[in-house]
Amino acid sequence: MKSDILKMIDFETQRGWQESINTSQMAIIGQDYFAYKTKIISNPTINEIKNYLSQNIPVIVPADGKILFQENKYFSNGGPYYHNIVILGYDDTLKKFIVHDVGTKYGQYFQYSYDLLMDSIHDYPSSNHKEDIAAGPKKILVLLK
């Protein structure tokens, strides 16, 4: 696994990308490195996300980790400015998305409320300063087969 991660880092470094990447760059990784078809959705809705999930298509969400911290206290230092999670499913009874969040010790199948997760969606800002995350556009990425 470590070798695979290092190869992907090399792929990013060869393109001159920094530590944090935006959804367009993630789409390139999905297409050119993993051979997926990708789609970036601007201003997604809860129903759009649920539609992809109902087709077993995971959704990658760039987010403001400071907002996610409101429901996920496992983050240190009040949560990261920029953070990515994968939505795996949803629970309409609880009105929560089920995610895989590698940024915390207890991130496997963590649940965020629909409203909070939607509020947190922000792509990496064009200023290239993670502290400006709230200025980043609302975009998600889906990996299609």
C-alpha atoms as a PDB file:
ATOM      1  CA  MET A   1       0.000   0.000   0.000  1.00  0.00           C
ATOM      2  CA  LYS A   2       2.820   2.379   0.881  1.00  0.00           C
ATOM      3  CA  SER A   3       4.399   1.792  -2.526  1.00  0.00           C
ATOM      4  CA  ASP A   4       1.081   2.560  -4.268  1.00  0.00           C
ATOM      5  CA  ILE A   5       0.677   5.800  -2.338  1.00  0.00           C
ATOM      6  CA  LEU A   6       4.230   6.869  -3.150  1.00  0.00           C
ATOM      7  CA  LYS A   7       3.615   6.189  -6.864  1.00  0.00           C
ATOM      8  CA  MET A   8       0.529   8.382  -6.779  1.00  0.00           C
ATOM      9  CA  ILE A   9       2.493  11.133  -5.007  1.00  0.00           C
ATOM     10  CA  ASP A  10       5.093  10.880  -7.791  1.00  0.00           C
ATOM     11  CA  PHE A  11       2.280  11.238 -10.349  1.00  0.00           C
ATOM     12  CA  GLU A  12       1.153  14.447  -8.623  1.00  0.00           C
ATOM     13  CA  THR A  13       4.690  15.792  -8.134  1.00  0.00           C
ATOM     14  CA  GLN A  14       5.512  15.318 -11.825  1.00  0.00           C
ATOM     15  CA  ARG A  15       2.638  17.687 -12.580  1.00  0.00           C
ATOM     16  CA  GLY A  16       3.928  20.317 -10.160  1.00  0.00           C
ATOM     17  CA  TRP A  17       0.985  19.949  -7.813  1.00  0.00           C
ATOM     18  CA  GLN A  18       1.219  20.958  -4.188  1.00  0.00           C
ATOM     19  CA  GLU A  19       0.196  19.037  -1.067  1.00  0.00           C
ATOM     20  CA  SER A  20      -3.476  20.023  -1.395  1.00  0.00           C
ATOM     21  CA  ILE A  21      -5.216  19.497  -4.718  1.00  0.00           C
ATOM     22  CA  ASN A  22      -8.599  20.592  -6.056  1.00  0.00           C
ATOM     23  CA  THR A  23     -11.387  18.545  -7.649  1.00  0.00           C
ATOM     24  CA  SER A  24     -10.082  19.165 -11.183  1.00  0.00           C
ATOM     25  CA  GLN A  25      -6.737  17.679 -10.204  1.00  0.00           C
ATOM     26  CA  MET A  26      -8.468  14.789  -8.421  1.00  0.00           C
ATOM     27  CA  ALA A  27     -10.428  14.159 -11.622  1.00  0.00           C
ATOM     28  CA  ILE A  28      -7.156  13.917 -13.564  1.00  0.00           C
ATOM     29  CA  ILE A  29      -5.873  11.367 -11.051  1.00  0.00           C
ATOM     30  CA  GLY A  30      -9.119   9.434 -11.408  1.00  0.00           C
ATOM     31  CA  GLN A  31      -8.902   9.453 -15.213  1.00  0.00           C
ATOM     32  CA  ASP A  32      -5.181   9.228 -15.983  1.00  0.00           C
ATOM     33  CA  TYR A  33      -3.925   7.258 -12.993  1.00  0.00           C
ATOM     34  CA  PHE A  34      -6.872   5.000 -12.106  1.00  0.00           C
ATOM     35  CA  ALA A  35      -8.610   4.888 -15.534  1.00  0.00           C
ATOM     36  CA  TYR A  36     -12.025   6.007 -14.252  1.00  0.00           C
ATOM     37  CA  LYS A  37     -14.403   8.302 -16.022  1.00  0.00           C
ATOM     38  CA  THR A  38     -14.971  11.283 -13.769  1.00  0.00           C
ATOM     39  CA  LYS A  39     -17.571  13.963 -13.376  1.00  0.00           C
ATOM     40  CA  ILE A  40     -17.334  17.178 -11.383  1.00  0.00           C
ATOM     41  CA  ILE A  41     -20.652  18.529 -10.169  1.00  0.00           C
ATOM     42  CA  SER A  42     -20.940  22.173  -9.179  1.00  0.00           C
ATOM     43  CA  ASN A  43     -23.451  23.196  -6.519  1.00  0.00           C
ATOM     44  CA  PRO A  44     -24.592  19.635  -5.824  1.00  0.00           C
ATOM     45  CA  THR A  45     -27.869  18.871  -4.108  1.00  0.00           C
ATOM     46  CA  ILE A  46     -28.618  16.203  -1.535  1.00  0.00           C
ATOM     47  CA  ASN A  47     -30.760  14.382  -4.093  1.00  0.00           C
ATOM     48  CA  GLU A  48     -27.974  14.412  -6.712  1.00  0.00           C
ATOM     49  CA  ILE A  49     -25.577  12.879  -4.217  1.00  0.00           C
ATOM     50  CA  LYS A  50     -28.128  10.285  -3.138  1.00  0.00           C
ATOM     51  CA  ASN A  51     -28.806   9.416  -6.777  1.00  0.00           C
ATOM     52  CA  TYR A  52     -25.137   8.526  -7.362  1.00  0.00           C
ATOM     53  CA  LEU A  53     -24.958   6.615  -4.110  1.00  0.00           C
ATOM     54  CA  SER A  54     -28.068   4.608  -5.015  1.00  0.00           C
ATOM     55  CA  GLN A  55     -26.151   3.462  -8.130  1.00  0.00           C
ATOM     56  CA  ASN A  56     -23.198   2.350  -5.954  1.00  0.00           C
ATOM     57  CA  ILE A  57     -21.136   5.296  -7.151  1.00  0.00           C
ATOM     58  CA  PRO A  58     -19.122   6.812  -4.295  1.00  0.00           C
ATOM     59  CA  VAL A  59     -18.933  10.593  -4.081  1.00  0.00           C
ATOM     60  CA  ILE A  60     -15.731  12.443  -3.177  1.00  0.00           C
ATOM     61  CA  VAL A  61     -16.355  15.624  -1.235  1.00  0.00           C
ATOM     62  CA  PRO A  62     -13.816  18.390  -0.673  1.00  0.00           C
ATOM     63  CA  ALA A  63     -14.813  20.034   2.579  1.00  0.00           C
ATOM     64  CA  ASP A  64     -14.115  22.639   5.189  1.00  0.00           C
ATOM     65  CA  GLY A  65     -12.967  20.470   8.081  1.00  0.00           C
ATOM     66  CA  LYS A  66     -13.697  23.241  10.570  1.00  0.00           C
ATOM     67  CA  ILE A  67     -17.389  22.806   9.705  1.00  0.00           C
ATOM     68  CA  LEU A  68     -17.146  18.999   9.881  1.00  0.00           C
ATOM     69  CA  PHE A  69     -15.666  19.347  13.378  1.00  0.00           C
ATOM     70  CA  GLN A  70     -19.095  20.487  14.597  1.00  0.00           C
ATOM     71  CA  GLU A  71     -20.218  16.843  14.363  1.00  0.00           C
ATOM     72  CA  ASN A  72     -16.886  15.018  14.346  1.00  0.00           C
ATOM     73  CA  LYS A  73     -14.973  15.836  17.518  1.00  0.00           C
ATOM     74  CA  TYR A  74     -12.328  13.214  16.666  1.00  0.00           C
ATOM     75  CA  PHE A  75     -10.446  15.794  14.591  1.00  0.00           C
ATOM     76  CA  SER A  76      -7.579  17.465  16.398  1.00  0.00           C
ATOM     77  CA  ASN A  77      -7.201  21.253  16.608  1.00  0.00           C
ATOM     78  CA  GLY A  78     -10.814  21.965  15.647  1.00  0.00           C
ATOM     79  CA  GLY A  79     -10.543  20.150  12.328  1.00  0.00           C
ATOM     80  CA  PRO A  80      -8.480  20.810   9.217  1.00  0.00           C
ATOM     81  CA  TYR A  81      -9.164  23.724   6.915  1.00  0.00           C
ATOM     82  CA  TYR A  82      -9.295  21.513   3.815  1.00  0.00           C
ATOM     83  CA  HIS A  83     -10.320  17.896   3.982  1.00  0.00           C
ATOM     84  CA  ASN A  84     -11.670  15.268   1.592  1.00  0.00           C
ATOM     85  CA  ILE A  85     -14.078  12.490   2.436  1.00  0.00           C
ATOM     86  CA  VAL A  86     -15.842   9.774   0.477  1.00  0.00           C
ATOM     87  CA  ILE A  87     -19.600   9.416   0.868  1.00  0.00           C
ATOM     88  CA  LEU A  88     -20.535   5.746   0.798  1.00  0.00           C
ATOM     89  CA  GLY A  89     -24.237   5.847   1.591  1.00  0.00           C
ATOM     90  CA  TYR A  90     -27.044   7.617   3.388  1.00  0.00           C
ATOM     91  CA  ASP A  91     -29.759   7.087   5.972  1.00  0.00           C
ATOM     92  CA  ASP A  92     -32.952   9.004   5.247  1.00  0.00           C
ATOM     93  CA  THR A  93     -34.386   8.116   8.651  1.00  0.00           C
ATOM     94  CA  LEU A  94     -31.527   9.919  10.411  1.00  0.00           C
ATOM     95  CA  LYS A  95     -30.962  12.368   7.518  1.00  0.00           C
ATOM     96  CA  LYS A  96     -27.268  11.526   7.509  1.00  0.00           C
ATOM     97  CA  PHE A  97     -24.616  10.644   4.980  1.00  0.00           C
ATOM     98  CA  ILE A  98     -22.388   7.668   5.758  1.00  0.00           C
ATOM     99  CA  VAL A  99     -18.770   8.418   4.919  1.00  0.00           C
ATOM    100  CA  HIS A 100     -15.280   7.038   5.003  1.00  0.00           C
ATOM    101  CA  ASP A 101     -13.157   9.693   6.648  1.00  0.00           C
ATOM    102  CA  VAL A 102      -9.490   8.774   6.829  1.00  0.00           C
ATOM    103  CA  GLY A 103      -8.714  11.977   8.693  1.00  0.00           C
ATOM    104  CA  THR A 104      -9.829  10.645  12.052  1.00  0.00           C
ATOM    105  CA  LYS A 105      -9.283   7.522  14.108  1.00  0.00           C
ATOM    106  CA  TYR A 106     -12.999   6.690  14.004  1.00  0.00           C
ATOM    107  CA  GLY A 107     -13.741   7.770  10.427  1.00  0.00           C
ATOM    108  CA  GLN A 108     -14.895   4.437   9.046  1.00  0.00           C
ATOM    109  CA  TYR A 109     -18.666   4.692   8.410  1.00  0.00           C
ATOM    110  CA  PHE A 110     -18.832   8.012  10.244  1.00  0.00           C
ATOM    111  CA  GLN A 111     -22.129   9.846   9.783  1.00  0.00           C
ATOM    112  CA  TYR A 112     -22.653  13.540   9.059  1.00  0.00           C
ATOM    113  CA  SER A 113     -26.045  15.204   8.894  1.00  0.00           C
ATOM    114  CA  TYR A 114     -27.164  16.136   5.396  1.00  0.00           C
ATOM    115  CA  ASP A 115     -27.246  19.859   6.164  1.00  0.00           C
ATOM    116  CA  LEU A 116     -23.853  20.038   7.850  1.00  0.00           C
ATOM    117  CA  LEU A 117     -22.094  18.046   5.158  1.00  0.00           C
ATOM    118  CA  MET A 118     -23.686  20.159   2.409  1.00  0.00           C
ATOM    119  CA  ASP A 119     -22.574  23.338   4.235  1.00  0.00           C
ATOM    120  CA  SER A 120     -19.026  21.982   4.463  1.00  0.00           C
ATOM    121  CA  ILE A 121     -18.581  21.401   0.712  1.00  0.00           C
ATOM    122  CA  HIS A 122     -15.874  23.715  -0.639  1.00  0.00           C
ATOM    123  CA  ASP A 123     -13.230  22.952  -3.237  1.00  0.00           C
ATOM    124  CA  TYR A 124      -9.659  24.053  -2.628  1.00  0.00           C
ATOM    125  CA  PRO A 125      -9.657  27.853  -3.052  1.00  0.00           C
ATOM    126  CA  SER A 126      -8.034  29.516  -6.050  1.00  0.00           C
ATOM    127  CA  SER A 127      -5.946  31.638  -3.655  1.00  0.00           C
ATOM    128  CA  ASN A 128      -4.038  28.419  -2.795  1.00  0.00           C
ATOM    129  CA  HIS A 129      -4.415  29.303   0.887  1.00  0.00           C
ATOM    130  CA  LYS A 130      -6.256  26.620   2.835  1.00  0.00           C
ATOM    131  CA  GLU A 131      -7.464  29.262   5.293  1.00  0.00           C
ATOM    132  CA  ASP A 132      -9.626  30.674   2.448  1.00  0.00           C
ATOM    133  CA  ILE A 133     -11.557  27.413   2.134  1.00  0.00           C
ATOM    134  CA  ALA A 134     -14.942  29.141   2.551  1.00  0.00           C
ATOM    135  CA  ALA A 135     -14.231  30.981  -0.722  1.00  0.00           C
ATOM    136  CA  GLY A 136     -13.796  27.687  -2.580  1.00  0.00           C
ATOM    137  CA  PRO A 137     -16.640  26.746  -4.927  1.00  0.00           C
ATOM    138  CA  LYS A 138     -19.092  24.006  -3.996  1.00  0.00           C
ATOM    139  CA  LYS A 139     -18.028  20.994  -6.075  1.00  0.00           C
ATOM    140  CA  ILE A 140     -17.986  17.231  -5.704  1.00  0.00           C
ATOM    141  CA  LEU A 141     -16.334  14.495  -7.747  1.00  0.00           C
ATOM    142  CA  VAL A 142     -17.810  11.174  -8.818  1.00  0.00           C
ATOM    143  CA  LEU A 143     -15.812   8.286 -10.238  1.00  0.00           C
ATOM    144  CA  LEU A 144     -17.765   6.463 -12.906  1.00  0.00           C
ATOM    145  CA  LYS A 145     -16.977   3.031 -14.327  1.00  0.00           C
END
